[in-house]
């Protein structure tokens, strides 16, 4: 069951990333900001934000797929009696997921409250 879950999650996250974030021509269509904030950012910053978020989503996808593979490996080894529990590896994956999400949140807030330089 875990391999099927890993495949479904990885595939769905990849499809969402490609078709909803990376493929649209208009970066403002995929960014959830008010029109006023989008106007203040301008098309260059919106594109930069879309690229960053797309790459961060790819990293989340990779870490999630690796975590599910680790869970499968650990559960099989635990069932066979080769190890006791899942060990510290799962904590590392959770911390990676939280770290990536934290960086995405900080960068998103930086873009949201961006003030263009006054010339």
Protein backbone atom coordinates (compact mmCIF):
# COMPACT_ATOMS: atom_id res chain seq x y z
CA UNK A 1 0.00 0.00 0.00
CA UNK A 2 2.82 2.41 0.80
CA UNK A 3 4.45 2.09 -2.67
CA UNK A 4 1.12 2.89 -4.33
CA UNK A 5 0.63 5.88 -2.01
CA UNK A 6 4.14 7.12 -2.82
CA UNK A 7 3.55 6.84 -6.55
CA UNK A 8 0.18 8.63 -6.35
CA UNK A 9 1.54 11.48 -4.20
CA UNK A 10 4.66 11.95 -6.33
CA UNK A 11 2.72 11.84 -9.59
CA UNK A 12 0.02 14.23 -8.40
CA UNK A 13 2.54 16.73 -7.02
CA UNK A 14 4.54 16.59 -10.25
CA UNK A 15 1.44 17.12 -12.39
CA UNK A 16 0.29 20.03 -10.23
CA UNK A 17 3.75 21.57 -10.42
CA UNK A 18 4.03 21.24 -14.18
CA UNK A 19 0.53 22.11 -15.33
CA UNK A 20 -0.52 24.68 -12.74
CA UNK A 21 2.72 26.43 -11.87
CA UNK A 22 5.35 26.00 -14.58
CA UNK A 23 3.34 25.94 -17.82
CA UNK A 24 1.04 28.98 -17.59
CA UNK A 25 2.21 31.93 -19.67
CA UNK A 26 0.88 34.54 -17.24
CA UNK A 27 2.69 34.25 -13.88
CA UNK A 28 0.07 36.40 -12.17
CA UNK A 29 -2.56 33.73 -12.87
CA UNK A 30 -0.94 31.22 -10.50
CA UNK A 31 0.05 33.57 -7.69
CA UNK A 32 -2.50 34.15 -4.98
CA UNK A 33 -2.04 37.86 -4.29
CA UNK A 34 -4.37 40.80 -4.61
CA UNK A 35 -4.33 42.71 -7.89
CA UNK A 36 -2.81 45.70 -6.11
CA UNK A 37 0.08 43.59 -4.82
CA UNK A 38 0.58 41.99 -8.24
CA UNK A 39 0.69 45.43 -9.84
CA UNK A 40 3.22 46.63 -7.26
CA UNK A 41 5.46 43.60 -7.87
CA UNK A 42 5.41 43.87 -11.64
CA UNK A 43 5.83 41.06 -14.16
CA UNK A 44 9.54 40.49 -13.47
CA UNK A 45 9.10 39.88 -9.73
CA UNK A 46 5.98 37.77 -10.36
CA UNK A 47 7.93 35.57 -12.75
CA UNK A 48 10.80 35.34 -10.25
CA UNK A 49 8.33 34.34 -7.53
CA UNK A 50 6.69 31.72 -9.77
CA UNK A 51 10.07 30.20 -10.66
CA UNK A 52 11.16 30.06 -7.03
CA UNK A 53 7.91 28.50 -5.85
CA UNK A 54 7.99 25.97 -8.70
CA UNK A 55 11.50 24.89 -7.77
CA UNK A 56 10.62 24.72 -4.08
CA UNK A 57 7.61 22.53 -4.93
CA UNK A 58 9.93 20.23 -6.86
CA UNK A 59 12.15 19.94 -3.78
CA UNK A 60 9.11 19.18 -1.62
CA UNK A 61 8.13 16.51 -4.13
CA UNK A 62 11.60 14.96 -4.04
CA UNK A 63 11.81 14.93 -0.24
CA UNK A 64 8.29 13.50 0.05
CA UNK A 65 9.08 10.71 -2.42
CA UNK A 66 12.33 9.92 -0.58
CA UNK A 67 10.51 9.93 2.77
CA UNK A 68 7.88 7.50 1.48
CA UNK A 69 10.62 5.23 0.11
CA UNK A 70 12.38 5.38 3.48
CA UNK A 71 9.13 4.55 5.28
CA UNK A 72 8.61 1.54 3.03
CA UNK A 73 12.18 0.35 3.52
CA UNK A 74 11.98 0.85 7.29
CA UNK A 75 8.63 -0.85 7.67
CA UNK A 76 9.81 -3.91 5.73
CA UNK A 77 13.01 -4.14 7.77
CA UNK A 78 11.06 -3.74 10.99
CA UNK A 79 8.62 -6.47 9.95
CA UNK A 80 11.52 -8.80 9.12
CA UNK A 81 13.17 -8.03 12.46
CA UNK A 82 16.28 -6.37 11.03
CA UNK A 83 15.69 -3.09 12.88
CA UNK A 84 13.60 -1.72 15.73
CA UNK A 85 11.29 1.02 14.54
CA UNK A 86 11.98 3.57 11.85
CA UNK A 87 14.92 5.26 13.53
CA UNK A 88 16.01 8.88 13.25
CA UNK A 89 15.69 9.06 9.49
CA UNK A 90 12.03 10.02 9.58
CA UNK A 91 12.82 13.00 11.80
CA UNK A 92 15.37 14.21 9.25
CA UNK A 93 12.79 14.00 6.47
CA UNK A 94 10.18 15.84 8.54
CA UNK A 95 12.70 18.58 9.37
CA UNK A 96 13.60 18.88 5.68
CA UNK A 97 9.93 19.23 4.75
CA UNK A 98 9.38 21.86 7.45
CA UNK A 99 12.56 23.70 6.43
CA UNK A 100 11.54 23.87 2.78
CA UNK A 101 8.04 25.00 3.74
CA UNK A 102 9.54 27.65 6.04
CA UNK A 103 11.81 28.99 3.30
CA UNK A 104 8.86 29.09 0.89
CA UNK A 105 6.78 30.98 3.45
CA UNK A 106 9.53 33.50 4.17
CA UNK A 107 10.23 34.11 0.49
CA UNK A 108 6.51 34.42 -0.23
CA UNK A 109 6.12 37.00 2.54
CA UNK A 110 9.19 38.87 1.26
CA UNK A 111 7.57 39.11 -2.17
CA UNK A 112 4.19 40.02 -0.71
CA UNK A 113 5.57 42.97 1.23
CA UNK A 114 8.10 43.98 -1.45
CA UNK A 115 8.45 47.72 -1.96
CA UNK A 116 10.03 48.72 -5.28
CA UNK A 117 12.93 51.15 -4.96
CA UNK A 118 11.95 54.78 -5.37
CA UNK A 119 13.87 56.50 -8.15
